[in-house]
């Protein structure tokens, strides 16, 4: 039992929590159950016999997990060839019936022209489609990456002007760290000193003042490189965007009529993030 426990301890010292999270579900359950069993004391002969079987099974599960590391690392670094499918929201026009039809026609025509011209200026052989009266979508490649772009015209009030919502998205490797970037607000500025809002700062005073960065410090430095920050600031010239990275997708959202400058900035930032190095700490 002492020898078996030593073998288990040796393997446990190699396995990280990240590896436990990436193994298949059934193996993860075996690892969890084995860890619990390994910590359960045994004193009688019957308990020792049971413990020996459980420790042996746990050791074998650890060996299986360690053996999967090369396959897991390869899978976590795979870059999908296609951009994600962007689905229009259907809750952006509650005040449509109150909006003047002549003004609406001008807004739609303006958005159609701006969307097509900016997409054609940035994308390689873009595919552009009008989904309905208010929504447009395009697919193309730029800067070595696949992109989906969605433009939607919405009305959040019965008095204000129509609002354009832009989403630009690409696919990223599954192992890309999760990141959330959103506009820094006055409320955030008040809440941060109180510890209510926690964020990461990257040492770029202008960038840090515009954005609330939510991820771990190492991931922030790796994803928000100087080219990415510069490109995001190009988008922020019109509207401070949000950036979401995780679960194989990276997307930027902003509210402004698309221009070549804003779309180019968004695609450059996302292409750089897509190309970021994947670092996995599966073994110690």
Protein backbone atom coordinates (compact mmCIF):
# COMPACT_ATOMS: atom_id res chain seq x y z
CA UNK A 1 0.00 0.00 0.00
CA UNK A 2 2.85 2.38 0.78
CA UNK A 3 4.45 1.68 -2.57
CA UNK A 4 1.14 2.15 -4.37
CA UNK A 5 0.47 5.39 -2.51
CA UNK A 6 3.91 6.64 -3.53
CA UNK A 7 3.18 5.88 -7.19
CA UNK A 8 -0.11 7.80 -6.96
CA UNK A 9 1.58 10.76 -5.25
CA UNK A 10 4.28 10.85 -7.96
CA UNK A 11 1.66 11.05 -10.70
CA UNK A 12 -0.52 13.52 -8.81
CA UNK A 13 2.47 15.84 -8.56
CA UNK A 14 2.62 15.96 -12.37
CA UNK A 15 -1.08 16.47 -13.11
CA UNK A 16 -2.47 20.02 -13.03
CA UNK A 17 -6.07 21.14 -12.56
CA UNK A 18 -6.01 22.29 -16.20
CA UNK A 19 -5.39 18.70 -17.35
CA UNK A 20 -8.21 17.43 -15.15
CA UNK A 21 -10.53 19.96 -16.82
CA UNK A 22 -9.58 18.87 -20.34
CA UNK A 23 -9.82 15.09 -20.07
CA UNK A 24 -13.01 13.30 -21.24
CA UNK A 25 -15.91 13.48 -18.78
CA UNK A 26 -15.78 9.80 -17.78
CA UNK A 27 -12.06 9.98 -17.09
CA UNK A 28 -12.54 13.21 -15.14
CA UNK A 29 -15.06 11.44 -12.90
CA UNK A 30 -12.62 8.58 -12.33
CA UNK A 31 -9.92 11.06 -11.36
CA UNK A 32 -12.25 12.89 -8.99
CA UNK A 33 -13.47 9.69 -7.36
CA UNK A 34 -9.91 8.38 -7.12
CA UNK A 35 -8.67 11.55 -5.44
CA UNK A 36 -11.42 11.19 -2.82
CA UNK A 37 -10.67 7.52 -2.29
CA UNK A 38 -6.94 8.21 -1.92
CA UNK A 39 -7.65 10.58 0.95
CA UNK A 40 -9.92 8.11 2.77
CA UNK A 41 -8.16 6.38 5.72
CA UNK A 42 -8.14 2.60 5.94
CA UNK A 43 -7.30 0.48 8.98
CA UNK A 44 -9.02 -2.91 8.84
CA UNK A 45 -7.96 -5.65 6.45
CA UNK A 46 -11.18 -5.26 4.48
CA UNK A 47 -10.70 -1.49 4.19
CA UNK A 48 -7.11 -1.97 3.08
CA UNK A 49 -8.17 -4.40 0.36
CA UNK A 50 -10.77 -1.94 -0.90
CA UNK A 51 -8.29 0.92 -0.71
CA UNK A 52 -5.71 -1.05 -2.69
CA UNK A 53 -8.18 -1.56 -5.54
CA UNK A 54 -9.22 2.10 -5.50
CA UNK A 55 -5.62 3.33 -5.45
CA UNK A 56 -4.72 1.03 -8.32
CA UNK A 57 -7.67 2.35 -10.35
CA UNK A 58 -6.70 5.94 -9.50
CA UNK A 59 -3.08 5.37 -10.50
CA UNK A 60 -4.22 3.89 -13.82
CA UNK A 61 -6.58 6.87 -14.41
CA UNK A 62 -3.71 9.28 -13.74
CA UNK A 63 -1.53 7.37 -16.20
CA UNK A 64 -4.31 7.55 -18.79
CA UNK A 65 -4.69 11.31 -18.29
CA UNK A 66 -0.94 11.88 -18.60
CA UNK A 67 -0.91 9.81 -21.77
CA UNK A 68 -3.59 12.05 -23.31
CA UNK A 69 -1.51 15.23 -22.93
CA UNK A 70 -0.09 15.29 -26.49
CA UNK A 71 -3.55 14.78 -28.03
CA UNK A 72 -5.13 17.42 -25.79
CA UNK A 73 -2.42 19.94 -26.61
CA UNK A 74 -2.88 19.37 -30.35
CA UNK A 75 -6.66 19.71 -30.07
CA UNK A 76 -6.43 22.91 -28.03
CA UNK A 77 -4.20 24.51 -30.67
CA UNK A 78 -6.34 23.69 -33.71
CA UNK A 79 -7.55 26.78 -35.57
CA UNK A 80 -10.96 26.32 -37.27
CA UNK A 81 -11.04 27.17 -40.96
CA UNK A 82 -14.43 28.91 -40.79
CA UNK A 83 -15.67 31.96 -38.93
CA UNK A 84 -18.54 31.47 -36.46
CA UNK A 85 -22.14 31.87 -37.61
CA UNK A 86 -23.60 35.18 -36.42
CA UNK A 87 -27.32 35.11 -35.69
CA UNK A 88 -29.27 38.42 -35.71
CA UNK A 89 -31.05 39.50 -32.57
CA UNK A 90 -34.82 39.90 -32.90
CA UNK A 91 -35.36 42.30 -29.97
CA UNK A 92 -33.78 45.48 -31.35
CA UNK A 93 -36.86 47.16 -32.82
CA UNK A 94 -39.61 47.52 -30.20
CA UNK A 95 -40.39 51.05 -31.45
CA UNK A 96 -40.42 50.29 -35.16
CA UNK A 97 -44.10 51.21 -35.67
CA UNK A 98 -43.47 54.69 -34.27
CA UNK A 99 -40.50 55.44 -36.51
CA UNK A 100 -41.07 57.71 -39.56
CA UNK A 101 -40.96 55.56 -42.68
CA UNK A 102 -39.22 58.20 -44.80
CA UNK A 103 -36.42 58.57 -42.25
CA UNK A 104 -36.25 54.79 -41.91
CA UNK A 105 -35.70 54.42 -45.64
CA UNK A 106 -32.80 56.88 -45.53
CA UNK A 107 -31.23 55.08 -42.56
CA UNK A 108 -31.48 51.70 -44.25
CA UNK A 109 -30.03 52.97 -47.51
CA UNK A 110 -27.16 54.65 -45.68
CA UNK A 111 -26.34 51.49 -43.70
CA UNK A 112 -26.50 49.33 -46.82
CA UNK A 113 -23.99 51.58 -48.61
CA UNK A 114 -21.66 51.85 -45.61
CA UNK A 115 -21.75 48.10 -44.92
CA UNK A 116 -21.02 47.07 -48.49
CA UNK A 117 -18.28 49.65 -49.07
CA UNK A 118 -16.43 48.90 -45.80
CA UNK A 119 -16.67 45.13 -46.28
CA UNK A 120 -15.39 45.33 -49.86
CA UNK A 121 -12.54 47.62 -48.77
CA UNK A 122 -11.34 45.20 -46.06
CA UNK A 123 -12.37 41.68 -47.08
CA UNK A 124 -10.98 39.37 -49.72
CA UNK A 125 -13.76 38.34 -52.13
CA UNK A 126 -16.51 38.95 -49.55
CA UNK A 127 -19.89 37.26 -49.60
CA UNK A 128 -22.55 39.83 -48.65
CA UNK A 129 -26.19 39.04 -47.96
CA UNK A 130 -29.17 41.04 -46.80
CA UNK A 131 -30.96 38.86 -44.29
CA UNK A 132 -34.10 40.99 -44.07
CA UNK A 133 -35.11 44.65 -44.20
CA UNK A 134 -32.88 45.60 -41.26
CA UNK A 135 -29.97 43.13 -41.06
CA UNK A 136 -26.90 42.46 -43.22
CA UNK A 137 -24.25 39.78 -42.94
CA UNK A 138 -20.94 39.19 -44.70
CA UNK A 139 -18.22 36.54 -44.77
CA UNK A 140 -14.67 37.04 -45.97
CA UNK A 141 -11.02 36.52 -45.19
CA UNK A 142 -8.64 39.28 -44.14
CA UNK A 143 -5.18 39.31 -42.57
CA UNK A 144 -5.03 35.52 -42.83
CA UNK A 145 -8.20 34.90 -40.81
CA UNK A 146 -11.87 34.06 -41.59
CA UNK A 147 -14.48 36.61 -40.53
CA UNK A 148 -18.22 36.99 -40.11
CA UNK A 149 -19.68 40.49 -39.87
CA UNK A 150 -23.22 41.37 -38.87
CA UNK A 151 -24.87 44.80 -39.11
CA UNK A 152 -28.28 45.44 -37.52
CA UNK A 153 -30.47 48.53 -37.46
CA UNK A 154 -32.44 48.91 -34.23
CA UNK A 155 -34.64 51.37 -32.35
CA UNK A 156 -34.29 51.49 -28.57
CA UNK A 157 -36.66 54.43 -28.10
CA UNK A 158 -39.47 56.20 -29.92
CA UNK A 159 -37.58 59.50 -29.98
CA UNK A 160 -33.91 58.78 -30.57
CA UNK A 161 -32.29 58.00 -33.93
CA UNK A 162 -31.87 54.51 -35.26
CA UNK A 163 -28.95 52.64 -33.72
CA UNK A 164 -26.54 50.50 -35.72
CA UNK A 165 -25.09 47.46 -33.98
CA UNK A 166 -22.01 45.88 -35.50
CA UNK A 167 -20.53 42.48 -34.66
CA UNK A 168 -17.25 41.28 -36.13
CA UNK A 169 -16.19 37.72 -35.28
CA UNK A 170 -13.54 35.13 -36.03
CA UNK A 171 -12.75 31.66 -34.75
CA UNK A 172 -9.90 31.00 -32.32
CA UNK A 173 -8.22 27.88 -31.00
CA UNK A 174 -10.08 26.19 -28.10
CA UNK A 175 -7.07 26.78 -25.84
CA UNK A 176 -7.18 30.56 -26.28
CA UNK A 177 -7.64 32.20 -22.84
CA UNK A 178 -10.99 33.73 -22.00
CA UNK A 179 -11.04 37.52 -22.09
CA UNK A 180 -13.70 40.19 -21.66
CA UNK A 181 -13.00 43.78 -22.60
CA UNK A 182 -15.64 46.50 -22.20
CA UNK A 183 -15.81 50.27 -21.94
CA UNK A 184 -14.59 51.77 -18.68
CA UNK A 185 -17.41 53.77 -17.08
CA UNK A 186 -17.66 56.27 -14.24
CA UNK A 187 -19.32 53.57 -12.13
CA UNK A 188 -16.35 51.25 -12.70
CA UNK A 189 -13.96 54.04 -11.72
CA UNK A 190 -15.78 54.45 -8.40
CA UNK A 191 -16.17 50.71 -7.77
CA UNK A 192 -12.55 49.66 -8.44
CA UNK A 193 -10.97 51.38 -5.40
CA UNK A 194 -13.67 49.77 -3.25
CA UNK A 195 -12.81 46.31 -4.56
CA UNK A 196 -16.28 45.81 -6.06
CA UNK A 197 -14.89 45.61 -9.59
CA UNK A 198 -11.63 43.79 -10.19
CA UNK A 199 -9.71 44.25 -13.41
CA UNK A 200 -6.32 43.79 -14.99
CA UNK A 201 -4.23 46.71 -16.19
CA UNK A 202 -1.54 46.26 -18.82
CA UNK A 203 0.48 49.43 -18.28
CA UNK A 204 -0.89 51.39 -21.26
CA UNK A 205 -2.42 54.43 -19.57
CA UNK A 206 -4.65 55.49 -22.46
CA UNK A 207 -5.88 51.96 -23.13
CA UNK A 208 -6.41 51.16 -19.44
CA UNK A 209 -8.48 54.33 -19.03
CA UNK A 210 -10.83 53.34 -21.87
CA UNK A 211 -11.31 49.64 -21.20
CA UNK A 212 -12.19 47.38 -18.29
CA UNK A 213 -10.08 44.24 -18.77
CA UNK A 214 -11.35 41.00 -17.26
CA UNK A 215 -8.98 38.02 -17.53
CA UNK A 216 -5.84 36.85 -15.77
CA UNK A 217 -2.75 39.12 -16.05
CA UNK A 218 -0.71 36.68 -18.14
CA UNK A 219 -3.52 36.24 -20.67
CA UNK A 220 -4.02 40.01 -20.89
CA UNK A 221 -0.38 40.56 -21.77
CA UNK A 222 -0.43 37.73 -24.30
CA UNK A 223 -3.66 38.70 -26.08
CA UNK A 224 -3.68 42.49 -25.77
CA UNK A 225 -0.41 43.11 -27.58
CA UNK A 226 0.55 46.51 -28.89
CA UNK A 227 -0.88 45.82 -32.39
CA UNK A 228 -4.15 44.62 -30.85
CA UNK A 229 -4.42 47.69 -28.61
CA UNK A 230 -3.63 50.01 -31.52
CA UNK A 231 -6.30 48.35 -33.68
CA UNK A 232 -8.92 48.50 -30.89
CA UNK A 233 -8.21 52.20 -30.44
CA UNK A 234 -8.95 52.66 -34.15
CA UNK A 235 -12.40 51.20 -33.51
CA UNK A 236 -12.77 53.31 -30.34
CA UNK A 237 -12.37 56.43 -32.49
CA UNK A 238 -16.07 55.92 -33.29
CA UNK A 239 -17.37 53.93 -30.31
CA UNK A 240 -15.52 52.13 -27.49
CA UNK A 241 -16.10 48.48 -28.40
CA UNK A 242 -16.55 45.35 -26.36
CA UNK A 243 -14.35 42.31 -26.99
CA UNK A 244 -15.25 38.78 -25.96
CA UNK A 245 -12.87 35.82 -26.35
CA UNK A 246 -13.67 32.28 -25.31
CA UNK A 247 -15.10 28.92 -26.32
CA UNK A 248 -13.50 29.06 -29.76
CA UNK A 249 -14.82 32.51 -30.72
CA UNK A 250 -13.48 36.06 -30.58
CA UNK A 251 -15.87 38.91 -31.37
CA UNK A 252 -15.95 42.69 -31.25
CA UNK A 253 -19.16 44.69 -30.87
CA UNK A 254 -19.64 48.41 -31.40
CA UNK A 255 -22.47 50.82 -32.16
CA UNK A 256 -21.73 52.99 -35.14
CA UNK A 257 -22.18 52.97 -38.89
CA UNK A 258 -19.37 50.79 -40.30
CA UNK A 259 -16.41 52.46 -41.98
CA UNK A 260 -13.31 51.02 -43.56
CA UNK A 261 -11.30 52.31 -40.59
CA UNK A 262 -13.46 50.74 -37.89
CA UNK A 263 -13.86 47.42 -39.72
CA UNK A 264 -10.17 47.23 -40.51
CA UNK A 265 -9.29 47.92 -36.87
CA UNK A 266 -11.67 45.22 -35.66
CA UNK A 267 -10.40 42.60 -38.11
CA UNK A 268 -6.74 43.35 -37.36
CA UNK A 269 -7.33 43.04 -33.60
CA UNK A 270 -9.18 39.74 -34.00
CA UNK A 271 -6.64 38.31 -36.46
CA UNK A 272 -3.83 39.08 -34.00
CA UNK A 273 -5.73 37.42 -31.15
CA UNK A 274 -6.44 34.38 -33.33
CA UNK A 275 -2.70 34.06 -34.00
CA UNK A 276 -1.70 34.37 -30.32
CA UNK A 277 0.45 31.62 -28.85
CA UNK A 278 -1.45 28.92 -26.97
CA UNK A 279 0.18 28.06 -23.65
CA UNK A 280 -1.19 25.10 -21.74
CA UNK A 281 -0.05 24.07 -18.27
CA UNK A 282 -1.25 20.47 -18.34
CA UNK A 283 1.73 18.96 -16.54
CA UNK A 284 4.10 20.24 -13.89
